[in-house]
């Protein structure tokens, strides 16, 4: 890409984002990265929320995840977006949902059955899916749009278990 095109793209991205900044870099996610992602949860409660742009409910509930993240700033929240879309689209969506402080990951490989199998051999790929992982590594899976009462009850329970 020519330097002029790169500058034009950067300028368009700045206009698109309206001066907002992204707090943490988005981490590329590739086949084989699941073990590294899970390793980050060792010894502490964490939530991994897997979503995609091709899933209407996923995008619709992102602002609720943003509100949740603001209410639980000490809880490890990781989001994994699995569709191949332009990065500026992902960045804008996460900023709009107030999720720029979350630990965001974006699949840069085609999210196929091998990657799904790595996460859960029984998972067929339906989205969204949320994994609640306690400090001992026990995982509870929530399939479909999240009921935040369940998530908040889980958070309360994990705080009592500390």
C-alpha atoms as a PDB file:
ATOM      1  CA  UNK A   1       0.000   0.000   0.000  1.00  0.00           C
ATOM      2  CA  UNK A   2       1.391   3.402  -0.917  1.00  0.00           C
ATOM      3  CA  UNK A   3       2.261   5.921   1.794  1.00  0.00           C
ATOM      4  CA  UNK A   4      -0.496   8.265   0.577  1.00  0.00           C
ATOM      5  CA  UNK A   5      -3.112   5.494   0.851  1.00  0.00           C
ATOM      6  CA  UNK A   6      -1.868   4.595   4.360  1.00  0.00           C
ATOM      7  CA  UNK A   7      -2.154   8.221   5.458  1.00  0.00           C
ATOM      8  CA  UNK A   8      -5.621   8.517   3.927  1.00  0.00           C
ATOM      9  CA  UNK A   9      -6.705   5.310   5.685  1.00  0.00           C
ATOM     10  CA  UNK A  10      -5.343   6.550   9.020  1.00  0.00           C
ATOM     11  CA  UNK A  11      -7.106   9.898   8.587  1.00  0.00           C
ATOM     12  CA  UNK A  12     -10.409   8.162   7.744  1.00  0.00           C
ATOM     13  CA  UNK A  13     -10.017   5.953  10.815  1.00  0.00           C
ATOM     14  CA  UNK A  14      -9.473   9.014  13.016  1.00  0.00           C
ATOM     15  CA  UNK A  15     -12.582  10.654  11.564  1.00  0.00           C
ATOM     16  CA  UNK A  16     -14.557   7.449  12.001  1.00  0.00           C
ATOM     17  CA  UNK A  17     -13.567   7.139  15.634  1.00  0.00           C
ATOM     18  CA  UNK A  18     -14.354  10.777  16.342  1.00  0.00           C
ATOM     19  CA  UNK A  19     -11.248  11.321  18.441  1.00  0.00           C
ATOM     20  CA  UNK A  20     -11.948   8.355  20.748  1.00  0.00           C
ATOM     21  CA  UNK A  21      -8.951   6.345  21.815  1.00  0.00           C
ATOM     22  CA  UNK A  22      -8.628   2.643  22.280  1.00  0.00           C
ATOM     23  CA  UNK A  23      -7.239   1.847  25.732  1.00  0.00           C
ATOM     24  CA  UNK A  24      -5.604  -1.488  24.944  1.00  0.00           C
ATOM     25  CA  UNK A  25      -4.421  -2.943  21.660  1.00  0.00           C
ATOM     26  CA  UNK A  26      -6.575  -5.620  20.090  1.00  0.00           C
ATOM     27  CA  UNK A  27      -4.737  -8.930  20.191  1.00  0.00           C
ATOM     28  CA  UNK A  28      -4.769 -11.114  17.067  1.00  0.00           C
ATOM     29  CA  UNK A  29      -6.151 -14.590  17.772  1.00  0.00           C
ATOM     30  CA  UNK A  30      -4.903 -17.558  15.751  1.00  0.00           C
ATOM     31  CA  UNK A  31      -5.386 -21.276  15.751  1.00  0.00           C
ATOM     32  CA  UNK A  32      -3.461 -22.647  18.737  1.00  0.00           C
ATOM     33  CA  UNK A  33      -3.915 -19.511  20.895  1.00  0.00           C
ATOM     34  CA  UNK A  34      -6.657 -20.914  23.146  1.00  0.00           C
ATOM     35  CA  UNK A  35      -4.208 -22.397  25.654  1.00  0.00           C
ATOM     36  CA  UNK A  36      -2.467 -18.990  25.967  1.00  0.00           C
ATOM     37  CA  UNK A  37      -5.820 -17.257  26.474  1.00  0.00           C
ATOM     38  CA  UNK A  38      -6.875 -19.728  29.187  1.00  0.00           C
ATOM     39  CA  UNK A  39      -3.460 -19.398  30.863  1.00  0.00           C
ATOM     40  CA  UNK A  40      -4.275 -15.723  31.512  1.00  0.00           C
ATOM     41  CA  UNK A  41      -7.187 -16.803  33.726  1.00  0.00           C
ATOM     42  CA  UNK A  42      -5.178 -19.058  36.044  1.00  0.00           C
ATOM     43  CA  UNK A  43      -5.901 -18.403  39.699  1.00  0.00           C
ATOM     44  CA  UNK A  44      -8.479 -15.678  39.182  1.00  0.00           C
ATOM     45  CA  UNK A  45     -12.072 -15.448  37.981  1.00  0.00           C
ATOM     46  CA  UNK A  46     -12.478 -14.454  34.362  1.00  0.00           C
ATOM     47  CA  UNK A  47     -15.095 -14.222  31.665  1.00  0.00           C
ATOM     48  CA  UNK A  48     -14.440 -15.022  28.027  1.00  0.00           C
ATOM     49  CA  UNK A  49     -17.194 -13.828  25.700  1.00  0.00           C
ATOM     50  CA  UNK A  50     -17.034 -15.079  22.099  1.00  0.00           C
ATOM     51  CA  UNK A  51     -18.980 -13.051  19.559  1.00  0.00           C
ATOM     52  CA  UNK A  52     -19.149 -12.112  15.899  1.00  0.00           C
ATOM     53  CA  UNK A  53     -20.572  -9.453  13.605  1.00  0.00           C
ATOM     54  CA  UNK A  54     -22.555 -12.096  11.715  1.00  0.00           C
ATOM     55  CA  UNK A  55     -24.543 -12.658  14.931  1.00  0.00           C
ATOM     56  CA  UNK A  56     -27.182  -9.961  15.471  1.00  0.00           C
ATOM     57  CA  UNK A  57     -27.694 -10.715  19.191  1.00  0.00           C
ATOM     58  CA  UNK A  58     -23.912 -10.578  19.714  1.00  0.00           C
ATOM     59  CA  UNK A  59     -23.632  -7.026  18.435  1.00  0.00           C
ATOM     60  CA  UNK A  60     -26.866  -5.954  20.143  1.00  0.00           C
ATOM     61  CA  UNK A  61     -25.644  -7.035  23.588  1.00  0.00           C
ATOM     62  CA  UNK A  62     -22.163  -5.477  23.389  1.00  0.00           C
ATOM     63  CA  UNK A  63     -23.280  -2.235  25.112  1.00  0.00           C
ATOM     64  CA  UNK A  64     -24.597  -4.351  28.006  1.00  0.00           C
ATOM     65  CA  UNK A  65     -21.147  -5.962  28.209  1.00  0.00           C
ATOM     66  CA  UNK A  66     -19.663  -2.460  28.267  1.00  0.00           C
ATOM     67  CA  UNK A  67     -21.894  -1.507  31.219  1.00  0.00           C
ATOM     68  CA  UNK A  68     -21.006  -4.763  32.959  1.00  0.00           C
ATOM     69  CA  UNK A  69     -17.275  -4.133  32.430  1.00  0.00           C
ATOM     70  CA  UNK A  70     -17.572  -0.639  33.913  1.00  0.00           C
ATOM     71  CA  UNK A  71     -19.427  -2.032  36.942  1.00  0.00           C
ATOM     72  CA  UNK A  72     -16.817  -4.815  37.422  1.00  0.00           C
ATOM     73  CA  UNK A  73     -13.469  -3.160  36.586  1.00  0.00           C
ATOM     74  CA  UNK A  74     -11.372  -5.670  38.570  1.00  0.00           C
ATOM     75  CA  UNK A  75     -12.857  -8.738  36.859  1.00  0.00           C
ATOM     76  CA  UNK A  76     -10.862 -10.141  33.935  1.00  0.00           C
ATOM     77  CA  UNK A  77     -13.095  -9.775  30.856  1.00  0.00           C
ATOM     78  CA  UNK A  78     -11.853 -11.083  27.535  1.00  0.00           C
ATOM     79  CA  UNK A  79     -13.786 -10.744  24.305  1.00  0.00           C
ATOM     80  CA  UNK A  80     -13.032 -12.786  21.196  1.00  0.00           C
ATOM     81  CA  UNK A  81     -14.514 -11.583  17.894  1.00  0.00           C
ATOM     82  CA  UNK A  82     -14.515 -14.380  15.320  1.00  0.00           C
ATOM     83  CA  UNK A  83     -15.576 -12.807  11.999  1.00  0.00           C
ATOM     84  CA  UNK A  84     -13.119 -11.440   9.495  1.00  0.00           C
ATOM     85  CA  UNK A  85     -14.169  -7.786   9.254  1.00  0.00           C
ATOM     86  CA  UNK A  86     -12.120  -4.610   8.788  1.00  0.00           C
ATOM     87  CA  UNK A  87     -10.265  -3.704  11.982  1.00  0.00           C
ATOM     88  CA  UNK A  88     -11.707  -0.177  12.005  1.00  0.00           C
ATOM     89  CA  UNK A  89     -15.210  -1.688  12.157  1.00  0.00           C
ATOM     90  CA  UNK A  90     -14.257  -3.750  15.195  1.00  0.00           C
ATOM     91  CA  UNK A  91     -12.526  -0.827  16.905  1.00  0.00           C
ATOM     92  CA  UNK A  92     -15.491   1.521  16.369  1.00  0.00           C
ATOM     93  CA  UNK A  93     -17.982  -1.087  17.598  1.00  0.00           C
ATOM     94  CA  UNK A  94     -15.974  -1.789  20.755  1.00  0.00           C
ATOM     95  CA  UNK A  95     -15.502   1.911  21.502  1.00  0.00           C
ATOM     96  CA  UNK A  96     -19.214   2.579  20.991  1.00  0.00           C
ATOM     97  CA  UNK A  97     -19.984  -0.282  23.405  1.00  0.00           C
ATOM     98  CA  UNK A  98     -17.492   1.127  25.949  1.00  0.00           C
ATOM     99  CA  UNK A  99     -15.329  -1.986  25.713  1.00  0.00           C
ATOM    100  CA  UNK A 100     -11.991  -0.441  24.811  1.00  0.00           C
ATOM    101  CA  UNK A 101     -10.703  -1.285  28.317  1.00  0.00           C
ATOM    102  CA  UNK A 102     -11.523  -4.986  27.941  1.00  0.00           C
ATOM    103  CA  UNK A 103      -8.997  -7.564  26.825  1.00  0.00           C
ATOM    104  CA  UNK A 104     -10.094  -7.760  23.169  1.00  0.00           C
ATOM    105  CA  UNK A 105      -9.017 -10.466  20.753  1.00  0.00           C
ATOM    106  CA  UNK A 106      -9.869 -10.768  17.068  1.00  0.00           C
ATOM    107  CA  UNK A 107      -9.582 -13.947  15.044  1.00  0.00           C
ATOM    108  CA  UNK A 108      -7.217 -13.374  12.152  1.00  0.00           C
ATOM    109  CA  UNK A 109      -7.604 -16.940  10.896  1.00  0.00           C
ATOM    110  CA  UNK A 110     -10.813 -18.296   9.451  1.00  0.00           C
ATOM    111  CA  UNK A 111     -12.700 -19.442  12.566  1.00  0.00           C
ATOM    112  CA  UNK A 112     -13.320 -23.034  11.527  1.00  0.00           C
ATOM    113  CA  UNK A 113     -14.146 -26.337  13.215  1.00  0.00           C
ATOM    114  CA  UNK A 114     -10.518 -26.812  14.299  1.00  0.00           C
ATOM    115  CA  UNK A 115     -10.531 -23.565  16.242  1.00  0.00           C
ATOM    116  CA  UNK A 116     -13.941 -24.336  17.751  1.00  0.00           C
ATOM    117  CA  UNK A 117     -12.754 -27.833  18.718  1.00  0.00           C
ATOM    118  CA  UNK A 118      -9.739 -26.301  20.464  1.00  0.00           C
ATOM    119  CA  UNK A 119     -12.117 -24.273  22.670  1.00  0.00           C
ATOM    120  CA  UNK A 120     -14.677 -27.037  23.254  1.00  0.00           C
ATOM    121  CA  UNK A 121     -14.889 -30.317  21.314  1.00  0.00           C
ATOM    122  CA  UNK A 122     -18.686 -30.329  21.756  1.00  0.00           C
ATOM    123  CA  UNK A 123     -19.221 -26.741  20.594  1.00  0.00           C
ATOM    124  CA  UNK A 124     -20.865 -26.397  17.178  1.00  0.00           C
ATOM    125  CA  UNK A 125     -19.972 -22.721  16.792  1.00  0.00           C
ATOM    126  CA  UNK A 126     -23.248 -21.061  17.778  1.00  0.00           C
ATOM    127  CA  UNK A 127     -22.809 -17.499  18.955  1.00  0.00           C
ATOM    128  CA  UNK A 128     -22.643 -15.841  21.322  1.00  0.00           C
ATOM    129  CA  UNK A 129     -21.084 -18.127  23.892  1.00  0.00           C
ATOM    130  CA  UNK A 130     -19.767 -16.971  27.248  1.00  0.00           C
ATOM    131  CA  UNK A 131     -17.419 -18.876  29.523  1.00  0.00           C
ATOM    132  CA  UNK A 132     -17.427 -18.074  33.232  1.00  0.00           C
ATOM    133  CA  UNK A 133     -14.146 -19.376  34.653  1.00  0.00           C
ATOM    134  CA  UNK A 134     -13.627 -19.404  38.418  1.00  0.00           C
ATOM    135  CA  UNK A 135     -10.269 -19.146  40.200  1.00  0.00           C
ATOM    136  CA  UNK A 136      -9.968 -22.951  40.269  1.00  0.00           C
ATOM    137  CA  UNK A 137     -10.447 -23.192  36.496  1.00  0.00           C
ATOM    138  CA  UNK A 138     -14.007 -24.544  36.621  1.00  0.00           C
ATOM    139  CA  UNK A 139     -15.934 -23.335  33.596  1.00  0.00           C
ATOM    140  CA  UNK A 140     -19.627 -22.636  33.167  1.00  0.00           C
ATOM    141  CA  UNK A 141     -20.801 -22.073  29.590  1.00  0.00           C
ATOM    142  CA  UNK A 142     -23.667 -19.749  28.755  1.00  0.00           C
ATOM    143  CA  UNK A 143     -24.968 -20.198  25.226  1.00  0.00           C
ATOM    144  CA  UNK A 144     -26.889 -17.462  23.461  1.00  0.00           C
ATOM    145  CA  UNK A 145     -27.566 -13.925  24.645  1.00  0.00           C
ATOM    146  CA  UNK A 146     -26.453 -13.492  28.216  1.00  0.00           C
ATOM    147  CA  UNK A 147     -28.751 -13.101  31.174  1.00  0.00           C
ATOM    148  CA  UNK A 148     -26.676 -10.657  33.228  1.00  0.00           C
ATOM    149  CA  UNK A 149     -28.470 -11.732  36.406  1.00  0.00           C
ATOM    150  CA  UNK A 150     -26.772 -15.114  36.012  1.00  0.00           C
ATOM    151  CA  UNK A 151     -23.418 -13.444  35.350  1.00  0.00           C
ATOM    152  CA  UNK A 152     -23.758 -11.060  38.304  1.00  0.00           C
ATOM    153  CA  UNK A 153     -24.798 -13.933  40.603  1.00  0.00           C
ATOM    154  CA  UNK A 154     -21.708 -15.847  39.430  1.00  0.00           C
ATOM    155  CA  UNK A 155     -19.494 -12.808  40.123  1.00  0.00           C
ATOM    156  CA  UNK A 156     -20.986 -12.454  43.625  1.00  0.00           C
ATOM    157  CA  UNK A 157     -20.373 -16.141  44.306  1.00  0.00           C
ATOM    158  CA  UNK A 158     -16.760 -15.984  43.084  1.00  0.00           C
ATOM    159  CA  UNK A 159     -16.123 -12.973  45.348  1.00  0.00           C
ATOM    160  CA  UNK A 160     -17.450 -14.941  48.349  1.00  0.00           C
ATOM    161  CA  UNK A 161     -15.204 -17.889  47.443  1.00  0.00           C
ATOM    162  CA  UNK A 162     -12.056 -15.715  47.552  1.00  0.00           C
END
